[in-house]
Amino acid sequence: MSQALRSLLDLLDLERIERDIFRGRSHFAVVPRVFGGQVAAQALVAAGRTVPEDRHAHSLHAYFLRPGDPGAPIVYTVDRIRDGRSFTTRRVVAVQHGQPIFHLSASFQTREDGLDHQAPVPAAPDPATLPTSDERLRGYGHLPAEVVERLLEARETVDLRYVDEPPYGRFGEPREPHSQVWFRANGKLDDDPLLHVVLATYVSDMTLLDSVLLAHGRGGWAVGDVVGASLDHAMWFHRPFRADEWLLYDQESPSAYGGRGLGQARIYTRDGRLAISVIQEGVVRVPREH
């Protein structure tokens, strides 16, 4: 297990202050605010620690309300909305400096049999044939060295491999609003199902709006031609999976308008099972010229 992944797991091991109140901290982010995937993952950990072990996360819906301060602790308060026969619902509010910065609703379900169908897995090359983040990023002479190092540091927890060039790798001309990424945790995880869901939640916020940028030939924050932030995030966990085994993140953008861009995606296991569906909207603005 990489040291970065170990540090992330420590970060997700929230301190329990009271029965339904937890405290978390933050670490490095590529922008000067708390990484949204970290807040979502920590909030899901807080919710998960208040439900029975036989109930597994099947969906989450979240809003990013304010930028998080990476230098201050985050307090997560869990409301036990409902405990039914099959489903359990939790609401989590993350607070910093006396103000809510993030809101999460999550639902958990006992395992049961039912109807079964899925969208087919799209074609994608084997992840072993793709360049690593280090190999790809160090070949980008147009990116400042400090930007490359920040991106590489953010990738130390996860082996993330783009099928095609990321937005900051090739920009200036519009491309198809579609992006594929293979990812897995940089180390072996234990068998706790919640941990694998939490790690996938963390990674899901890294690249989902790439397809918005591709549609307009924009490179993103790394080259300074857009500014933005996540607004809301939703995930549905369909089938069991492991975040330490390869997952294909197939992403596209159906719309951008009014300073906002929408990304939607499906995450498949390497053997073709649809594990997760994801939708996110974010602020995507072109900087004003002075």
C-alpha atoms as a PDB file:
ATOM      1  CA  MET A   1       0.000   0.000   0.000  1.00  0.00           C
ATOM      2  CA  SER A   2       1.335   3.436  -0.916  1.00  0.00           C
ATOM      3  CA  GLN A   3       2.005   5.868   1.900  1.00  0.00           C
ATOM      4  CA  ALA A   4      -0.400   8.322   0.258  1.00  0.00           C
ATOM      5  CA  LEU A   5      -3.218   5.746   0.329  1.00  0.00           C
ATOM      6  CA  ARG A   6      -2.443   4.936   3.953  1.00  0.00           C
ATOM      7  CA  SER A   7      -2.656   8.654   4.755  1.00  0.00           C
ATOM      8  CA  LEU A   8      -5.996   8.883   2.958  1.00  0.00           C
ATOM      9  CA  LEU A   9      -7.394   5.934   4.919  1.00  0.00           C
ATOM     10  CA  ASP A  10      -6.279   7.656   8.116  1.00  0.00           C
ATOM     11  CA  LEU A  11      -8.021  10.808   6.901  1.00  0.00           C
ATOM     12  CA  LEU A  12     -11.244   8.860   6.383  1.00  0.00           C
ATOM     13  CA  ASP A  13     -11.051   7.341   9.871  1.00  0.00           C
ATOM     14  CA  LEU A  14     -13.122  10.113  11.456  1.00  0.00           C
ATOM     15  CA  GLU A  15     -12.971  10.983  15.130  1.00  0.00           C
ATOM     16  CA  ARG A  16     -16.257  10.294  16.885  1.00  0.00           C
ATOM     17  CA  ILE A  17     -17.096  13.242  19.140  1.00  0.00           C
ATOM     18  CA  GLU A  18     -20.584  12.131  20.166  1.00  0.00           C
ATOM     19  CA  ARG A  19     -23.033   9.451  19.058  1.00  0.00           C
ATOM     20  CA  ASP A  20     -23.839  11.126  15.737  1.00  0.00           C
ATOM     21  CA  ILE A  21     -21.145  13.813  15.498  1.00  0.00           C
ATOM     22  CA  PHE A  22     -17.769  13.224  13.855  1.00  0.00           C
ATOM     23  CA  ARG A  23     -14.710  15.329  13.175  1.00  0.00           C
ATOM     24  CA  GLY A  24     -12.460  15.120  10.141  1.00  0.00           C
ATOM     25  CA  ARG A  25      -9.395  16.904   8.869  1.00  0.00           C
ATOM     26  CA  SER A  26      -8.066  17.671   5.422  1.00  0.00           C
ATOM     27  CA  HIS A  27      -4.880  17.243   3.467  1.00  0.00           C
ATOM     28  CA  PHE A  28      -3.354  18.386   0.197  1.00  0.00           C
ATOM     29  CA  ALA A  29      -5.592  19.524  -2.644  1.00  0.00           C
ATOM     30  CA  VAL A  30      -4.651  20.710  -6.115  1.00  0.00           C
ATOM     31  CA  VAL A  31      -6.687  23.886  -5.551  1.00  0.00           C
ATOM     32  CA  PRO A  32      -6.682  26.117  -2.431  1.00  0.00           C
ATOM     33  CA  ARG A  33      -9.793  24.566  -0.933  1.00  0.00           C
ATOM     34  CA  VAL A  34     -10.809  21.177   0.400  1.00  0.00           C
ATOM     35  CA  PHE A  35     -11.157  18.613  -2.386  1.00  0.00           C
ATOM     36  CA  GLY A  36     -14.853  17.896  -2.889  1.00  0.00           C
ATOM     37  CA  GLY A  37     -14.311  14.159  -3.171  1.00  0.00           C
ATOM     38  CA  GLN A  38     -12.740  14.172   0.278  1.00  0.00           C
ATOM     39  CA  VAL A  39     -15.728  15.906   1.894  1.00  0.00           C
ATOM     40  CA  ALA A  40     -18.186  13.568   0.154  1.00  0.00           C
ATOM     41  CA  ALA A  41     -16.186  10.507   1.199  1.00  0.00           C
ATOM     42  CA  GLN A  42     -15.888  11.638   4.817  1.00  0.00           C
ATOM     43  CA  ALA A  43     -19.596  12.459   4.992  1.00  0.00           C
ATOM     44  CA  LEU A  44     -20.416   8.981   3.682  1.00  0.00           C
ATOM     45  CA  VAL A  45     -18.129   7.468   6.330  1.00  0.00           C
ATOM     46  CA  ALA A  46     -20.001   9.420   9.014  1.00  0.00           C
ATOM     47  CA  ALA A  47     -23.371   8.226   7.689  1.00  0.00           C
ATOM     48  CA  GLY A  48     -22.170   4.647   7.354  1.00  0.00           C
ATOM     49  CA  ARG A  49     -21.024   4.484  10.956  1.00  0.00           C
ATOM     50  CA  THR A  50     -24.589   5.033  12.154  1.00  0.00           C
ATOM     51  CA  VAL A  51     -26.214   2.163  10.224  1.00  0.00           C
ATOM     52  CA  PRO A  52     -26.192  -1.614  10.872  1.00  0.00           C
ATOM     53  CA  GLU A  53     -23.394  -3.581   9.197  1.00  0.00           C
ATOM     54  CA  ASP A  54     -25.869  -5.552   7.069  1.00  0.00           C
ATOM     55  CA  ARG A  55     -27.024  -2.367   5.291  1.00  0.00           C
ATOM     56  CA  HIS A  56     -24.961  -1.199   2.332  1.00  0.00           C
ATOM     57  CA  ALA A  57     -24.855   2.202   0.661  1.00  0.00           C
ATOM     58  CA  HIS A  58     -26.904   2.222  -2.542  1.00  0.00           C
ATOM     59  CA  SER A  59     -27.175   5.954  -3.259  1.00  0.00           C
ATOM     60  CA  LEU A  60     -26.040   9.414  -2.235  1.00  0.00           C
ATOM     61  CA  HIS A  61     -27.108  12.911  -3.203  1.00  0.00           C
ATOM     62  CA  ALA A  62     -24.991  15.875  -2.190  1.00  0.00           C
ATOM     63  CA  TYR A  63     -24.605  19.637  -2.522  1.00  0.00           C
ATOM     64  CA  PHE A  64     -21.368  21.567  -2.205  1.00  0.00           C
ATOM     65  CA  LEU A  65     -22.417  24.760  -0.430  1.00  0.00           C
ATOM     66  CA  ARG A  66     -19.207  26.650   0.372  1.00  0.00           C
ATOM     67  CA  PRO A  67     -15.485  26.152  -0.284  1.00  0.00           C
ATOM     68  CA  GLY A  68     -13.867  24.132   2.506  1.00  0.00           C
ATOM     69  CA  ASP A  69     -10.923  25.502   4.477  1.00  0.00           C
ATOM     70  CA  PRO A  70      -8.127  22.881   4.354  1.00  0.00           C
ATOM     71  CA  GLY A  71      -6.559  24.336   7.501  1.00  0.00           C
ATOM     72  CA  ALA A  72      -9.590  23.812   9.740  1.00  0.00           C
ATOM     73  CA  PRO A  73     -11.340  20.661  11.005  1.00  0.00           C
ATOM     74  CA  ILE A  74     -14.684  19.670   9.511  1.00  0.00           C
ATOM     75  CA  VAL A  75     -17.515  18.610  11.830  1.00  0.00           C
ATOM     76  CA  TYR A  76     -20.020  16.119  10.414  1.00  0.00           C
ATOM     77  CA  THR A  77     -23.450  15.893  12.079  1.00  0.00           C
ATOM     78  CA  VAL A  78     -25.614  12.894  11.166  1.00  0.00           C
ATOM     79  CA  ASP A  79     -29.422  12.926  11.331  1.00  0.00           C
ATOM     80  CA  ARG A  80     -31.057   9.496  11.532  1.00  0.00           C
ATOM     81  CA  ILE A  81     -33.904  10.220   9.140  1.00  0.00           C
ATOM     82  CA  ARG A  82     -35.340   6.710   8.823  1.00  0.00           C
ATOM     83  CA  ASP A  83     -34.663   3.117   9.820  1.00  0.00           C
ATOM     84  CA  GLY A  84     -37.009   0.826   7.894  1.00  0.00           C
ATOM     85  CA  ARG A  85     -37.156  -2.909   7.353  1.00  0.00           C
ATOM     86  CA  SER A  86     -34.982  -2.786   4.226  1.00  0.00           C
ATOM     87  CA  PHE A  87     -33.791   0.795   3.870  1.00  0.00           C
ATOM     88  CA  THR A  88     -31.999   3.242   6.146  1.00  0.00           C
ATOM     89  CA  THR A  89     -31.696   6.962   5.355  1.00  0.00           C
ATOM     90  CA  ARG A  90     -29.182   9.397   6.789  1.00  0.00           C
ATOM     91  CA  ARG A  91     -28.598  13.116   6.336  1.00  0.00           C
ATOM     92  CA  VAL A  92     -25.158  14.604   6.979  1.00  0.00           C
ATOM     93  CA  VAL A  93     -24.197  18.264   7.283  1.00  0.00           C
ATOM     94  CA  ALA A  94     -20.512  19.250   7.200  1.00  0.00           C
ATOM     95  CA  VAL A  95     -19.703  22.441   9.103  1.00  0.00           C
ATOM     96  CA  GLN A  96     -16.662  24.713   9.253  1.00  0.00           C
ATOM     97  CA  HIS A  97     -16.347  28.038  11.068  1.00  0.00           C
ATOM     98  CA  GLY A  98     -19.991  27.775  12.131  1.00  0.00           C
ATOM     99  CA  GLN A  99     -21.340  27.462   8.581  1.00  0.00           C
ATOM    100  CA  PRO A 100     -22.467  24.438   6.533  1.00  0.00           C
ATOM    101  CA  ILE A 101     -20.134  23.721   3.620  1.00  0.00           C
ATOM    102  CA  PHE A 102     -21.649  20.450   2.398  1.00  0.00           C
ATOM    103  CA  HIS A 103     -24.899  18.501   2.635  1.00  0.00           C
ATOM    104  CA  LEU A 104     -25.336  14.779   1.979  1.00  0.00           C
ATOM    105  CA  SER A 105     -28.312  12.445   1.914  1.00  0.00           C
ATOM    106  CA  ALA A 106     -27.434   8.756   1.756  1.00  0.00           C
ATOM    107  CA  SER A 107     -29.540   5.611   1.631  1.00  0.00           C
ATOM    108  CA  PHE A 108     -28.546   2.104   2.702  1.00  0.00           C
ATOM    109  CA  GLN A 109     -30.240  -1.214   1.961  1.00  0.00           C
ATOM    110  CA  THR A 110     -30.055  -4.812   3.058  1.00  0.00           C
ATOM    111  CA  ARG A 111     -28.928  -7.247   0.352  1.00  0.00           C
ATOM    112  CA  GLU A 112     -31.805  -8.844  -1.561  1.00  0.00           C
ATOM    113  CA  ASP A 113     -32.514 -10.620  -4.829  1.00  0.00           C
ATOM    114  CA  GLY A 114     -34.405  -8.932  -7.658  1.00  0.00           C
ATOM    115  CA  LEU A 115     -34.599  -8.171 -11.376  1.00  0.00           C
ATOM    116  CA  ASP A 116     -31.220  -7.835 -13.032  1.00  0.00           C
ATOM    117  CA  HIS A 117     -30.175  -6.037 -16.225  1.00  0.00           C
ATOM    118  CA  GLN A 118     -27.604  -3.401 -17.140  1.00  0.00           C
ATOM    119  CA  ALA A 119     -26.253  -1.202 -19.913  1.00  0.00           C
ATOM    120  CA  PRO A 120     -23.437  -2.966 -21.787  1.00  0.00           C
ATOM    121  CA  VAL A 121     -19.861  -2.086 -20.967  1.00  0.00           C
ATOM    122  CA  PRO A 122     -18.320   0.238 -23.595  1.00  0.00           C
ATOM    123  CA  ALA A 123     -15.182  -0.664 -25.492  1.00  0.00           C
ATOM    124  CA  ALA A 124     -11.956   0.442 -23.799  1.00  0.00           C
ATOM    125  CA  PRO A 125      -8.302  -0.624 -23.995  1.00  0.00           C
ATOM    126  CA  ASP A 126      -6.761  -2.732 -21.265  1.00  0.00           C
ATOM    127  CA  PRO A 127      -5.486  -0.461 -18.451  1.00  0.00           C
ATOM    128  CA  ALA A 128      -2.092  -2.190 -18.510  1.00  0.00           C
ATOM    129  CA  THR A 129      -1.540  -0.802 -22.027  1.00  0.00           C
ATOM    130  CA  LEU A 130      -2.102   2.826 -20.968  1.00  0.00           C
ATOM    131  CA  PRO A 131       0.494   5.264 -19.621  1.00  0.00           C
ATOM    132  CA  THR A 132       0.537   5.932 -15.892  1.00  0.00           C
ATOM    133  CA  SER A 133      -0.151   9.413 -14.546  1.00  0.00           C
ATOM    134  CA  ASP A 134       3.576   9.903 -14.032  1.00  0.00           C
ATOM    135  CA  GLU A 135       4.420   8.849 -17.582  1.00  0.00           C
ATOM    136  CA  ARG A 136       1.718  10.993 -19.138  1.00  0.00           C
ATOM    137  CA  LEU A 137       2.132  14.130 -17.023  1.00  0.00           C
ATOM    138  CA  ARG A 138       5.912  14.323 -17.258  1.00  0.00           C
ATOM    139  CA  GLY A 139       5.565  14.436 -21.035  1.00  0.00           C
ATOM    140  CA  TYR A 140       3.575  17.683 -20.956  1.00  0.00           C
ATOM    141  CA  GLY A 141       6.166  20.369 -21.535  1.00  0.00           C
ATOM    142  CA  HIS A 142       3.457  23.043 -21.778  1.00  0.00           C
ATOM    143  CA  LEU A 143       2.457  22.589 -18.118  1.00  0.00           C
ATOM    144  CA  PRO A 144       4.406  24.406 -15.397  1.00  0.00           C
ATOM    145  CA  ALA A 145       6.486  22.039 -13.277  1.00  0.00           C
ATOM    146  CA  GLU A 146       4.587  22.975 -10.106  1.00  0.00           C
ATOM    147  CA  VAL A 147       1.257  22.088 -11.765  1.00  0.00           C
ATOM    148  CA  VAL A 148       2.607  18.690 -12.813  1.00  0.00           C
ATOM    149  CA  GLU A 149       3.842  18.001  -9.278  1.00  0.00           C
ATOM    150  CA  ARG A 150       0.515  19.027  -7.748  1.00  0.00           C
ATOM    151  CA  LEU A 151      -1.368  16.730 -10.116  1.00  0.00           C
ATOM    152  CA  LEU A 152       1.013  13.854  -9.430  1.00  0.00           C
ATOM    153  CA  GLU A 153       0.683  14.330  -5.682  1.00  0.00           C
ATOM    154  CA  ALA A 154      -3.102  14.232  -6.024  1.00  0.00           C
ATOM    155  CA  ARG A 155      -2.775  10.941  -7.936  1.00  0.00           C
ATOM    156  CA  GLU A 156      -0.616   9.164  -5.347  1.00  0.00           C
ATOM    157  CA  THR A 157      -3.632   7.543  -3.678  1.00  0.00           C
ATOM    158  CA  VAL A 158      -4.969   6.054  -6.891  1.00  0.00           C
ATOM    159  CA  ASP A 159      -3.579   4.600 -10.100  1.00  0.00           C
ATOM    160  CA  LEU A 160      -5.527   6.673 -12.632  1.00  0.00           C
ATOM    161  CA  ARG A 161      -5.013   6.138 -16.369  1.00  0.00           C
ATOM    162  CA  TYR A 162      -6.683   8.162 -19.115  1.00  0.00           C
ATOM    163  CA  VAL A 163      -7.657   6.297 -22.268  1.00  0.00           C
ATOM    164  CA  ASP A 164      -7.158   9.479 -24.327  1.00  0.00           C
ATOM    165  CA  GLU A 165      -5.419  12.777 -23.608  1.00  0.00           C
ATOM    166  CA  PRO A 166      -6.970  14.633 -20.646  1.00  0.00           C
ATOM    167  CA  PRO A 167      -8.243  18.190 -21.220  1.00  0.00           C
ATOM    168  CA  TYR A 168      -4.991  19.779 -20.017  1.00  0.00           C
ATOM    169  CA  GLY A 169      -2.955  17.437 -22.231  1.00  0.00           C
ATOM    170  CA  ARG A 170      -4.460  18.567 -25.524  1.00  0.00           C
ATOM    171  CA  PHE A 171      -6.656  21.640 -25.752  1.00  0.00           C
ATOM    172  CA  GLY A 172      -7.519  24.490 -28.096  1.00  0.00           C
ATOM    173  CA  GLU A 173      -9.968  22.595 -30.298  1.00  0.00           C
ATOM    174  CA  PRO A 174     -13.293  21.016 -29.271  1.00  0.00           C
ATOM    175  CA  ARG A 175     -13.390  17.256 -28.952  1.00  0.00           C
ATOM    176  CA  GLU A 176     -16.147  14.752 -28.378  1.00  0.00           C
ATOM    177  CA  PRO A 177     -17.567  15.341 -24.865  1.00  0.00           C
ATOM    178  CA  HIS A 178     -16.585  11.846 -23.762  1.00  0.00           C
ATOM    179  CA  SER A 179     -13.752  10.689 -21.517  1.00  0.00           C
ATOM    180  CA  GLN A 180     -12.666   7.304 -20.184  1.00  0.00           C
ATOM    181  CA  VAL A 181     -10.437   6.659 -17.199  1.00  0.00           C
ATOM    182  CA  TRP A 182      -9.343   3.414 -15.559  1.00  0.00           C
ATOM    183  CA  PHE A 183      -8.654   3.677 -11.823  1.00  0.00           C
ATOM    184  CA  ARG A 184      -7.902   1.591  -8.745  1.00  0.00           C
ATOM    185  CA  ALA A 185      -6.575   2.315  -5.266  1.00  0.00           C
ATOM    186  CA  ASN A 186      -2.792   2.228  -4.989  1.00  0.00           C
ATOM    187  CA  GLY A 187      -2.755  -0.725  -2.614  1.00  0.00           C
ATOM    188  CA  LYS A 188      -4.771  -3.606  -1.210  1.00  0.00           C
ATOM    189  CA  LEU A 189      -7.829  -2.649   0.857  1.00  0.00           C
ATOM    190  CA  ASP A 190      -9.631  -4.709   3.458  1.00  0.00           C
ATOM    191  CA  ASP A 191     -13.010  -6.279   2.709  1.00  0.00           C
ATOM    192  CA  ASP A 192     -15.284  -3.660   4.320  1.00  0.00           C
ATOM    193  CA  PRO A 193     -17.852  -2.845   1.556  1.00  0.00           C
ATOM    194  CA  LEU A 194     -18.290   0.710   2.869  1.00  0.00           C
ATOM    195  CA  LEU A 195     -14.586   1.408   2.426  1.00  0.00           C
ATOM    196  CA  HIS A 196     -14.719   0.498  -1.270  1.00  0.00           C
ATOM    197  CA  VAL A 197     -17.805   2.666  -1.812  1.00  0.00           C
ATOM    198  CA  VAL A 198     -16.119   5.539   0.026  1.00  0.00           C
ATOM    199  CA  LEU A 199     -12.920   5.258  -2.070  1.00  0.00           C
ATOM    200  CA  ALA A 200     -14.955   5.248  -5.295  1.00  0.00           C
ATOM    201  CA  THR A 201     -16.808   8.336  -4.052  1.00  0.00           C
ATOM    202  CA  TYR A 202     -13.492  10.056  -3.407  1.00  0.00           C
ATOM    203  CA  VAL A 203     -12.170   9.314  -6.906  1.00  0.00           C
ATOM    204  CA  SER A 204     -15.459  10.113  -8.671  1.00  0.00           C
ATOM    205  CA  ASP A 205     -14.946  13.851  -8.152  1.00  0.00           C
ATOM    206  CA  MET A 206     -11.514  13.904  -9.810  1.00  0.00           C
ATOM    207  CA  THR A 207     -12.402  13.749 -13.509  1.00  0.00           C
ATOM    208  CA  LEU A 208     -16.170  13.856 -13.999  1.00  0.00           C
ATOM    209  CA  LEU A 209     -16.319  17.349 -15.525  1.00  0.00           C
ATOM    210  CA  ASP A 210     -13.492  16.608 -17.987  1.00  0.00           C
ATOM    211  CA  SER A 211     -16.017  15.920 -20.721  1.00  0.00           C
ATOM    212  CA  VAL A 212     -17.459  19.429 -20.310  1.00  0.00           C
ATOM    213  CA  LEU A 213     -14.004  20.882 -20.962  1.00  0.00           C
ATOM    214  CA  LEU A 214     -13.380  18.589 -23.930  1.00  0.00           C
ATOM    215  CA  ALA A 215     -16.539  19.801 -25.678  1.00  0.00           C
ATOM    216  CA  HIS A 216     -15.130  23.334 -25.731  1.00  0.00           C
ATOM    217  CA  GLY A 217     -11.427  22.667 -26.177  1.00  0.00           C
ATOM    218  CA  ARG A 218     -10.640  23.911 -22.685  1.00  0.00           C
ATOM    219  CA  GLY A 219      -7.743  22.651 -20.582  1.00  0.00           C
ATOM    220  CA  GLY A 220      -9.137  23.477 -17.140  1.00  0.00           C
ATOM    221  CA  TRP A 221      -7.555  24.955 -14.041  1.00  0.00           C
ATOM    222  CA  ALA A 222      -4.158  23.435 -14.924  1.00  0.00           C
ATOM    223  CA  VAL A 223      -3.819  25.871 -17.835  1.00  0.00           C
ATOM    224  CA  GLY A 224      -6.046  28.611 -16.423  1.00  0.00           C
ATOM    225  CA  ASP A 225      -8.635  28.821 -19.196  1.00  0.00           C
ATOM    226  CA  VAL A 226     -11.631  28.038 -16.953  1.00  0.00           C
ATOM    227  CA  VAL A 227     -12.537  28.415 -13.314  1.00  0.00           C
ATOM    228  CA  GLY A 228     -15.033  26.180 -11.612  1.00  0.00           C
ATOM    229  CA  ALA A 229     -16.193  24.075  -8.705  1.00  0.00           C
ATOM    230  CA  SER A 230     -18.548  21.187  -8.028  1.00  0.00           C
ATOM    231  CA  LEU A 231     -22.141  22.147  -7.261  1.00  0.00           C
ATOM    232  CA  ASP A 232     -23.888  18.845  -6.655  1.00  0.00           C
ATOM    233  CA  HIS A 233     -23.080  15.164  -6.918  1.00  0.00           C
ATOM    234  CA  ALA A 234     -25.176  12.003  -7.053  1.00  0.00           C
ATOM    235  CA  MET A 235     -24.161   8.336  -7.103  1.00  0.00           C
ATOM    236  CA  TRP A 236     -26.029   5.035  -7.273  1.00  0.00           C
ATOM    237  CA  PHE A 237     -24.181   1.879  -6.241  1.00  0.00           C
ATOM    238  CA  HIS A 238     -25.711  -0.964  -8.230  1.00  0.00           C
ATOM    239  CA  ARG A 239     -23.465  -4.005  -7.707  1.00  0.00           C
ATOM    240  CA  PRO A 240     -20.639  -4.988  -5.370  1.00  0.00           C
ATOM    241  CA  PHE A 241     -17.139  -3.984  -6.482  1.00  0.00           C
ATOM    242  CA  ARG A 242     -13.654  -3.487  -5.120  1.00  0.00           C
ATOM    243  CA  ALA A 243     -11.945  -0.102  -5.382  1.00  0.00           C
ATOM    244  CA  ASP A 244      -8.524  -1.803  -5.321  1.00  0.00           C
ATOM    245  CA  GLU A 245      -9.319  -3.569  -8.611  1.00  0.00           C
ATOM    246  CA  TRP A 246      -9.536  -1.835 -11.989  1.00  0.00           C
ATOM    247  CA  LEU A 247     -12.720   0.169 -12.599  1.00  0.00           C
ATOM    248  CA  LEU A 248     -13.619   1.839 -15.899  1.00  0.00           C
ATOM    249  CA  TYR A 249     -15.010   5.371 -15.468  1.00  0.00           C
ATOM    250  CA  ASP A 250     -16.925   6.160 -18.686  1.00  0.00           C
ATOM    251  CA  GLN A 251     -17.887   9.862 -18.646  1.00  0.00           C
ATOM    252  CA  GLU A 252     -19.776  12.241 -20.924  1.00  0.00           C
ATOM    253  CA  SER A 253     -21.355  15.693 -20.867  1.00  0.00           C
ATOM    254  CA  PRO A 254     -24.868  16.144 -22.305  1.00  0.00           C
ATOM    255  CA  SER A 255     -25.053  19.887 -21.590  1.00  0.00           C
ATOM    256  CA  ALA A 256     -23.293  23.087 -20.575  1.00  0.00           C
ATOM    257  CA  TYR A 257     -25.191  26.351 -20.181  1.00  0.00           C
ATOM    258  CA  GLY A 258     -25.429  29.389 -17.933  1.00  0.00           C
ATOM    259  CA  GLY A 259     -22.009  28.972 -16.359  1.00  0.00           C
ATOM    260  CA  ARG A 260     -22.760  25.362 -15.431  1.00  0.00           C
ATOM    261  CA  GLY A 261     -21.686  22.059 -16.963  1.00  0.00           C
ATOM    262  CA  LEU A 262     -23.205  18.606 -16.447  1.00  0.00           C
ATOM    263  CA  GLY A 263     -21.243  15.372 -16.371  1.00  0.00           C
ATOM    264  CA  GLN A 264     -22.717  11.891 -16.205  1.00  0.00           C
ATOM    265  CA  ALA A 265     -20.921   8.584 -16.027  1.00  0.00           C
ATOM    266  CA  ARG A 266     -21.028   4.848 -15.482  1.00  0.00           C
ATOM    267  CA  ILE A 267     -18.383   2.886 -13.632  1.00  0.00           C
ATOM    268  CA  TYR A 268     -17.806  -0.742 -14.643  1.00  0.00           C
ATOM    269  CA  THR A 269     -15.748  -3.516 -13.138  1.00  0.00           C
ATOM    270  CA  ARG A 270     -13.045  -5.028 -15.323  1.00  0.00           C
ATOM    271  CA  ASP A 271     -15.270  -8.043 -16.053  1.00  0.00           C
ATOM    272  CA  GLY A 272     -18.038  -5.765 -17.368  1.00  0.00           C
ATOM    273  CA  ARG A 273     -20.461  -5.406 -14.449  1.00  0.00           C
ATOM    274  CA  LEU A 274     -22.106  -1.985 -14.058  1.00  0.00           C
ATOM    275  CA  ALA A 275     -21.136  -1.010 -10.521  1.00  0.00           C
ATOM    276  CA  ILE A 276     -21.984   2.699 -10.193  1.00  0.00           C
ATOM    277  CA  SER A 277     -23.830   5.517 -11.959  1.00  0.00           C
ATOM    278  CA  VAL A 278     -22.710   9.104 -11.322  1.00  0.00           C
ATOM    279  CA  ILE A 279     -24.039  12.570 -12.175  1.00  0.00           C
ATOM    280  CA  GLN A 280     -22.457  15.892 -11.256  1.00  0.00           C
ATOM    281  CA  GLU A 281     -23.074  19.527 -12.120  1.00  0.00           C
ATOM    282  CA  GLY A 282     -20.396  22.122 -11.652  1.00  0.00           C
ATOM    283  CA  VAL A 283     -19.661  25.774 -12.184  1.00  0.00           C
ATOM    284  CA  VAL A 284     -17.600  26.096 -15.382  1.00  0.00           C
ATOM    285  CA  ARG A 285     -16.770  29.712 -16.229  1.00  0.00           C
ATOM    286  CA  VAL A 286     -14.414  31.282 -18.716  1.00  0.00           C
ATOM    287  CA  PRO A 287     -12.293  33.912 -16.928  1.00  0.00           C
ATOM    288  CA  ARG A 288     -13.158  37.459 -17.881  1.00  0.00           C
ATOM    289  CA  GLU A 289     -10.543  39.395 -19.787  1.00  0.00           C
ATOM    290  CA  HIS A 290      -9.472  42.637 -18.169  1.00  0.00           C
END
